[in-house]
Every structure is written in C-alpha cells, then in structure tokens.
Amino acid sequence: MKKKSESLNKDENPKIMKRKSKNELEGRNFFCEKCNKSYLSYPALYTHKKIKHEPRKSEARGRGRPKKEQNENIIEKNRYNPINITFFAKEGRTGKTPITEINKSIDSAFNDLYNEVNIKINESRNMKHYQTLEEHPFLNKFKNDSHDIYRNVINLHEVIDTVFIDYLNKMSSFCSSAYYIELIKFVTLFREHINIINRKNKSKKENIEFTESNDAESLPYYCNSFINKFLYPNGNDDGFSFSKDDSIDLIQNICYWIFDNNFTSSKICLRK
C-alpha cells in the first residue's frame, strides 16, 4: 500500500499542480505602483495594497496625539466656543457666582432693565414696564427658586420659563457675579421678545405669558428676530450694552444648551 505522500506525486496525479515559490518571477504580471512588488493575481495585489498602503480606520480618524502646532491651534480655536461651557472661560466672564449671591444678581438685573432711564428704550420695543421685581412673573419666580445647580428637569416638555431658570442656575457655576447679571438681563430680554411676538396668541387665562405656558421646542425659531429686530433694530447699537458679536455667541450658547438637554430638537447657526 502506498503512503499518502507518495499518492500525491506529480507524475502519478497530473491534476495536482506544483505551487510556485515566492521567489519565482515568472507569471508575476501584477505590479504595485507604490513599491514595485509583483504578484501572480490581481486579488493578491489588491490584498497587498489594502494591508500595506491604505491607512487603517483608526489612523484615518487621526488617533494619537496630534502635532504640537496643530493641537495648539485647535485649543485656541475652541477656547471660547459659544456652543459649549468654555464660552464662559473668556476673561471678564469666568468665575463662579455663589448661590448666596444669585438673588442679589437678580435684583441688579431687574434694576438695570427697568429703571427710569430705560423706559423709552423698553417702550420702543413694546416691552411691559414693571415697577417692582415682585410684579415680574419670570424674575420673581427665579428669585423664589431654590437655585439647585444639580437639579435635573425631568419633564422635557417643561415650560420655557422653567427651562430658562434651569439654564441660569447651571451657568452660575461657570461665570463671574458681574457677568452673571448680564446673563440674567440677556435671558430676560430674550424671553420678553418671545412673549411680545406671541402676545396675540397668549393663553386665554389673563396675564399668562407664552413662556409660562409653552415648552421650548420652538425657541430657536426666535433667535434671528431677537438679534436683528429686537436688540439691534438700528444697526449695532442695542441700547442694552451688549455688543452684537457677544449677543450672537450668547444666543448660540443658550440654544445649544437647550438642544443638548433635549428641550428642543432644533439647532441654530447664526452668522456674524
């Protein structure tokens, strides 16, 4: 009886072909244009290119530490990105407003917005005038809030006023007391603009504003008109001491925070 190795002899079994050596050049008609290696078949060449010359997915994504210059450019570009918390890292904004100081900031914001000097400015924008903070439905509610910066608003259909209060509570951890007053003023004015537009459509209940009875889903819709028609109807002078560039950055910060917290499904993109 023949051994198995003997049965595979080429002379006795002509159907079995001898395998070519890697060192043989005959028949290697498929060349790699990048390294000049040759292969017997196109699939072999294709596999070679895939393994040796195409970057892996992880490399294509830029894994690993980037070059120093590139890394510094990225940091500089994103340092004051208006759509995230680093927006408050800019000089003049950065700090922390203690919970014990929040009510004082609310008082200051109200006095700045509704003093006698601003009556004409407010009237020109159809804003309501409030003689005392207790008359103001939003600022009074905010002042009587517990200011719990760790509280999570579970109801994603919560009304706009509550969402604004949650935003202001959270942001008190990132900005100075002085800038926090400006932030309260800005949010209050944004709220006023939304209510002015919806005054005709407000709830049948007397004295109930749109922001007291509607959720924040449509909130990004009002951003452009707030900047261009409410704050700056006559160019770059708003009468409220906000620069136009800062206002655009700040409205983006507010709306992206609302989007990130699932109070709206809409994103905004404002151009300066």
Protein backbone atom coordinates (compact mmCIF):
# COMPACT_ATOMS: atom_id res chain seq x y z
CA MET A 1 0.00 0.00 0.00
CA LYS A 2 1.35 3.37 -0.96
CA LYS A 3 1.91 6.09 1.60
CA LYS A 4 -0.28 9.21 1.43
CA SER A 5 2.69 11.38 0.47
CA GLU A 6 3.52 9.08 -2.41
CA SER A 7 -0.05 9.24 -3.80
CA LEU A 8 0.37 12.98 -4.33
CA ASN A 9 3.36 12.57 -6.62
CA LYS A 10 3.01 14.90 -9.61
CA ASP A 11 3.81 12.18 -12.13
CA GLU A 12 1.12 9.82 -10.82
CA ASN A 13 -1.54 12.56 -10.32
CA PRO A 14 -1.24 15.15 -13.12
CA LYS A 15 -4.20 17.18 -11.80
CA ILE A 16 -2.14 18.38 -8.82
CA MET A 17 -0.04 21.43 -9.77
CA LYS A 18 3.14 22.38 -8.09
CA ARG A 19 2.82 25.60 -6.03
CA LYS A 20 5.01 28.44 -7.24
CA SER A 21 7.69 29.78 -4.92
CA LYS A 22 7.56 33.36 -3.66
CA ASN A 23 10.95 33.91 -5.23
CA GLU A 24 9.90 32.92 -8.74
CA LEU A 25 9.36 35.85 -11.12
CA GLU A 26 7.64 34.03 -13.97
CA GLY A 27 3.96 34.88 -14.25
CA ARG A 28 4.08 37.76 -11.80
CA ASN A 29 2.35 40.27 -14.02
CA PHE A 30 0.54 42.32 -11.36
CA PHE A 31 2.74 45.15 -10.05
CA CYS A 32 2.20 47.56 -7.17
CA GLU A 33 2.84 51.08 -8.41
CA LYS A 34 3.81 52.24 -4.94
CA CYS A 35 6.51 49.73 -4.04
CA ASN A 36 7.03 47.76 -7.30
CA LYS A 37 6.27 44.40 -5.74
CA SER A 38 4.79 41.87 -8.17
CA TYR A 39 2.05 39.29 -7.71
CA LEU A 40 0.60 36.35 -9.62
CA SER A 41 -3.00 37.57 -9.42
CA TYR A 42 -4.99 40.74 -9.01
CA PRO A 43 -6.62 39.60 -5.71
CA ALA A 44 -3.14 39.13 -4.25
CA LEU A 45 -2.15 42.61 -5.40
CA TYR A 46 -5.39 44.08 -4.03
CA THR A 47 -4.81 42.47 -0.61
CA HIS A 48 -1.26 43.81 -0.57
CA LYS A 49 -2.43 47.36 -1.27
CA LYS A 50 -5.17 47.11 1.32
CA ILE A 51 -2.80 45.98 4.07
CA LYS A 52 0.36 47.89 3.21
CA HIS A 53 -0.73 51.13 1.62
CA GLU A 54 -4.21 52.06 2.88
CA PRO A 55 -4.49 53.72 6.32
CA ARG A 56 -6.45 51.93 8.98
CA LYS A 57 -9.74 53.48 10.07
CA SER A 58 -8.29 54.47 13.43
CA GLU A 59 -5.41 56.24 11.65
CA ALA A 60 -7.79 57.97 9.26
CA ARG A 61 -9.64 59.40 12.24
CA GLY A 62 -6.41 60.89 13.48
CA ARG A 63 -5.85 58.69 16.51
CA GLY A 64 -2.97 59.53 18.74
CA ARG A 65 -1.59 62.83 19.88
CA PRO A 66 -1.62 65.47 17.12
CA LYS A 67 1.38 67.58 16.32
CA LYS A 68 2.05 70.29 18.86
CA GLU A 69 1.29 73.14 16.46
CA GLN A 70 -1.98 71.52 15.34
CA ASN A 71 -3.02 70.83 18.93
CA GLU A 72 -2.39 74.44 19.97
CA ASN A 73 -4.43 75.72 17.02
CA ILE A 74 -7.37 73.51 17.96
CA ILE A 75 -7.24 74.66 21.58
CA GLU A 76 -7.09 78.31 20.54
CA LYS A 77 -9.97 77.87 18.09
CA ASN A 78 -12.26 76.16 20.60
CA ARG A 79 -11.25 78.02 23.74
CA TYR A 80 -14.25 80.36 23.67
CA ASN A 81 -16.55 78.24 21.54
CA PRO A 82 -20.01 79.78 22.08
CA ILE A 83 -21.77 76.45 21.90
CA ASN A 84 -20.17 74.92 24.99
CA ILE A 85 -19.21 75.70 28.58
CA THR A 86 -15.80 77.10 27.58
CA PHE A 87 -17.71 80.16 26.37
CA PHE A 88 -17.52 81.36 29.97
CA ALA A 89 -13.74 80.86 30.16
CA LYS A 90 -13.09 84.19 28.47
CA GLU A 91 -11.63 86.94 30.61
CA GLY A 92 -14.40 89.00 32.16
CA ARG A 93 -16.81 86.06 32.17
CA THR A 94 -15.01 83.32 34.04
CA GLY A 95 -15.67 82.68 37.71
CA LYS A 96 -18.39 81.33 39.93
CA THR A 97 -21.44 83.05 41.35
CA PRO A 98 -22.20 81.66 44.81
CA ILE A 99 -25.79 80.56 45.38
CA THR A 100 -25.99 83.16 48.16
CA GLU A 101 -25.30 85.88 45.56
CA ILE A 102 -27.80 84.81 42.90
CA ASN A 103 -30.72 86.76 44.36
CA LYS A 104 -28.59 89.91 44.54
CA SER A 105 -27.74 89.41 40.88
CA ILE A 106 -31.45 89.10 40.05
CA ASP A 107 -32.15 92.38 41.87
CA SER A 108 -29.35 94.13 39.98
CA ALA A 109 -30.54 92.77 36.63
CA PHE A 110 -34.09 93.97 37.27
CA ASN A 111 -32.91 97.45 38.29
CA ASP A 112 -30.72 97.73 35.19
CA LEU A 113 -33.53 96.73 32.83
CA TYR A 114 -36.48 98.58 34.32
CA ASN A 115 -35.03 101.81 35.66
CA GLU A 116 -36.36 105.20 34.59
CA VAL A 117 -33.52 105.70 32.08
CA ASN A 118 -34.58 102.65 30.09
CA ILE A 119 -38.31 103.34 29.99
CA LYS A 120 -38.17 104.86 26.49
CA ILE A 121 -35.94 102.07 25.17
CA ASN A 122 -38.30 99.44 26.60
CA GLU A 123 -41.39 101.17 25.22
CA SER A 124 -39.84 101.37 21.74
CA ARG A 125 -39.66 97.56 21.81
CA ASN A 126 -43.19 97.15 23.20
CA MET A 127 -41.86 95.74 26.46
CA LYS A 128 -44.02 95.74 29.56
CA HIS A 129 -42.88 98.01 32.37
CA TYR A 130 -42.59 96.67 35.92
CA GLN A 131 -42.21 98.96 38.89
CA THR A 132 -41.17 96.21 41.31
CA LEU A 133 -39.47 92.86 40.87
CA GLU A 134 -42.45 91.12 42.51
CA GLU A 135 -44.57 92.19 39.53
CA HIS A 136 -42.25 90.46 37.07
CA PRO A 137 -43.53 86.89 36.52
CA PHE A 138 -40.16 85.49 35.45
CA LEU A 139 -37.65 87.26 37.69
CA ASN A 140 -39.89 86.90 40.73
CA LYS A 141 -40.22 83.14 40.04
CA PHE A 142 -36.47 82.91 39.57
CA LYS A 143 -35.76 84.74 42.82
CA ASN A 144 -38.03 82.36 44.75
CA ASP A 145 -36.36 79.31 43.20
CA SER A 146 -34.09 77.09 45.32
CA HIS A 147 -31.20 77.62 42.83
CA ASP A 148 -30.24 73.97 42.93
CA ILE A 149 -27.46 73.71 40.33
CA TYR A 150 -27.60 69.89 40.49
CA ARG A 151 -31.32 69.60 39.87
CA ASN A 152 -32.36 67.80 36.68
CA VAL A 153 -35.50 68.94 34.96
CA ILE A 154 -37.02 65.59 34.04
CA ASN A 155 -40.02 66.85 32.08
CA LEU A 156 -38.68 67.52 28.57
CA HIS A 157 -41.88 69.45 27.80
CA GLU A 158 -41.30 71.84 30.69
CA VAL A 159 -42.35 75.45 30.02
CA ILE A 160 -39.81 77.95 28.70
CA ASP A 161 -39.59 79.96 31.94
CA THR A 162 -38.58 76.87 33.92
CA VAL A 163 -36.01 75.91 31.25
CA PHE A 164 -34.52 79.42 31.37
CA ILE A 165 -34.29 79.26 35.17
CA ASP A 166 -32.58 75.87 34.99
CA TYR A 167 -30.07 77.28 32.47
CA LEU A 168 -29.31 80.30 34.65
CA ASN A 169 -28.88 78.14 37.75
CA LYS A 170 -26.43 75.84 35.95
CA MET A 171 -24.44 78.70 34.41
CA SER A 172 -23.89 80.34 37.80
CA SER A 173 -21.17 77.72 38.32
CA PHE A 174 -19.16 78.98 35.34
CA CYS A 175 -19.37 82.76 35.24
CA SER A 176 -18.47 85.65 37.49
CA SER A 177 -21.04 87.59 39.51
CA ALA A 178 -20.63 90.64 37.26
CA TYR A 179 -21.17 88.69 34.06
CA TYR A 180 -23.97 86.70 35.65
CA ILE A 181 -26.02 89.90 35.96
CA GLU A 182 -25.55 90.47 32.22
CA LEU A 183 -26.60 86.88 31.54
CA ILE A 184 -29.82 87.29 33.53
CA LYS A 185 -30.59 90.50 31.64
CA PHE A 186 -29.97 88.84 28.29
CA VAL A 187 -32.21 85.84 29.04
CA THR A 188 -34.93 88.15 30.37
CA LEU A 189 -34.84 90.23 27.17
CA PHE A 190 -34.95 87.10 25.02
CA ARG A 191 -37.98 85.99 27.00
CA GLU A 192 -39.63 89.41 26.54
CA HIS A 193 -39.13 89.19 22.78
CA ILE A 194 -40.74 85.75 22.59
CA ASN A 195 -43.76 86.96 24.57
CA ILE A 196 -44.15 90.13 22.50
CA ILE A 197 -44.35 88.08 19.30
CA ASN A 198 -46.88 85.71 20.84
CA ARG A 199 -48.98 88.26 22.65
CA LYS A 200 -51.84 87.78 20.23
CA ASN A 201 -51.70 84.03 20.75
CA LYS A 202 -51.27 84.00 24.52
CA SER A 203 -53.31 81.79 26.82
CA LYS A 204 -56.92 82.72 27.49
CA LYS A 205 -56.01 82.90 31.16
CA GLU A 206 -55.40 86.51 31.99
CA ASN A 207 -51.77 87.59 32.48
CA ILE A 208 -50.34 84.22 31.40
CA GLU A 209 -47.46 84.76 29.00
CA PHE A 210 -46.38 82.43 26.17
CA THR A 211 -43.19 81.42 28.02
CA GLU A 212 -45.24 80.45 31.07
CA SER A 213 -47.44 78.01 29.18
CA ASN A 214 -45.39 76.62 26.25
CA ASP A 215 -42.38 74.33 26.00
CA ALA A 216 -39.02 75.23 24.44
CA GLU A 217 -39.32 73.20 21.22
CA SER A 218 -39.83 76.31 19.06
CA LEU A 219 -37.40 78.51 20.98
CA PRO A 220 -34.56 78.55 18.34
CA TYR A 221 -37.10 79.96 15.85
CA TYR A 222 -36.97 83.34 17.64
CA CYS A 223 -33.18 83.80 17.67
CA ASN A 224 -32.66 85.70 14.43
CA SER A 225 -35.51 88.13 15.03
CA PHE A 226 -34.33 88.66 18.60
CA ILE A 227 -30.85 89.70 17.44
CA ASN A 228 -31.75 91.64 14.31
CA LYS A 229 -35.12 93.18 15.16
CA PHE A 230 -35.27 93.39 18.93
CA LEU A 231 -31.71 94.05 20.12
CA TYR A 232 -30.31 95.80 17.05
CA PRO A 233 -33.13 97.34 15.00
CA ASN A 234 -30.90 100.30 14.08
CA GLY A 235 -27.54 98.63 13.42
CA ASN A 236 -25.02 97.72 16.12
CA ASP A 237 -26.33 99.89 18.98
CA ASP A 238 -28.79 97.92 21.08
CA GLY A 239 -29.23 100.31 23.98
CA PHE A 240 -28.64 97.45 26.44
CA SER A 241 -24.80 97.46 26.49
CA PHE A 242 -24.41 94.12 24.66
CA SER A 243 -22.06 94.00 21.68
CA LYS A 244 -23.56 92.33 18.62
CA ASP A 245 -20.83 89.68 18.39
CA ASP A 246 -21.24 88.75 22.06
CA SER A 247 -25.02 88.63 21.64
CA ILE A 248 -24.74 86.18 18.74
CA ASP A 249 -22.34 83.99 20.72
CA LEU A 250 -24.54 84.08 23.80
CA ILE A 251 -27.78 83.21 21.99
CA GLN A 252 -25.99 80.23 20.44
CA ASN A 253 -24.76 79.13 23.85
CA ILE A 254 -28.29 79.26 25.26
CA CYS A 255 -29.89 77.43 22.35
CA TYR A 256 -27.24 74.72 22.14
CA TRP A 257 -27.58 74.11 25.87
CA ILE A 258 -31.33 73.72 25.40
CA PHE A 259 -30.72 71.34 22.47
CA ASP A 260 -28.14 69.30 24.40
CA ASN A 261 -30.61 68.88 27.24
CA ASN A 262 -33.35 67.68 24.87
CA PHE A 263 -35.72 70.60 25.39
CA THR A 264 -35.72 71.19 21.62
CA SER A 265 -34.87 69.11 18.56
CA SER A 266 -33.67 72.13 16.56
CA LYS A 267 -30.16 73.56 16.21
CA ILE A 268 -29.30 77.09 15.19
CA CYS A 269 -26.48 78.54 13.13
CA LEU A 270 -26.11 82.31 13.25
CA ARG A 271 -23.63 84.28 11.18
CA LYS A 272 -21.91 87.38 12.45
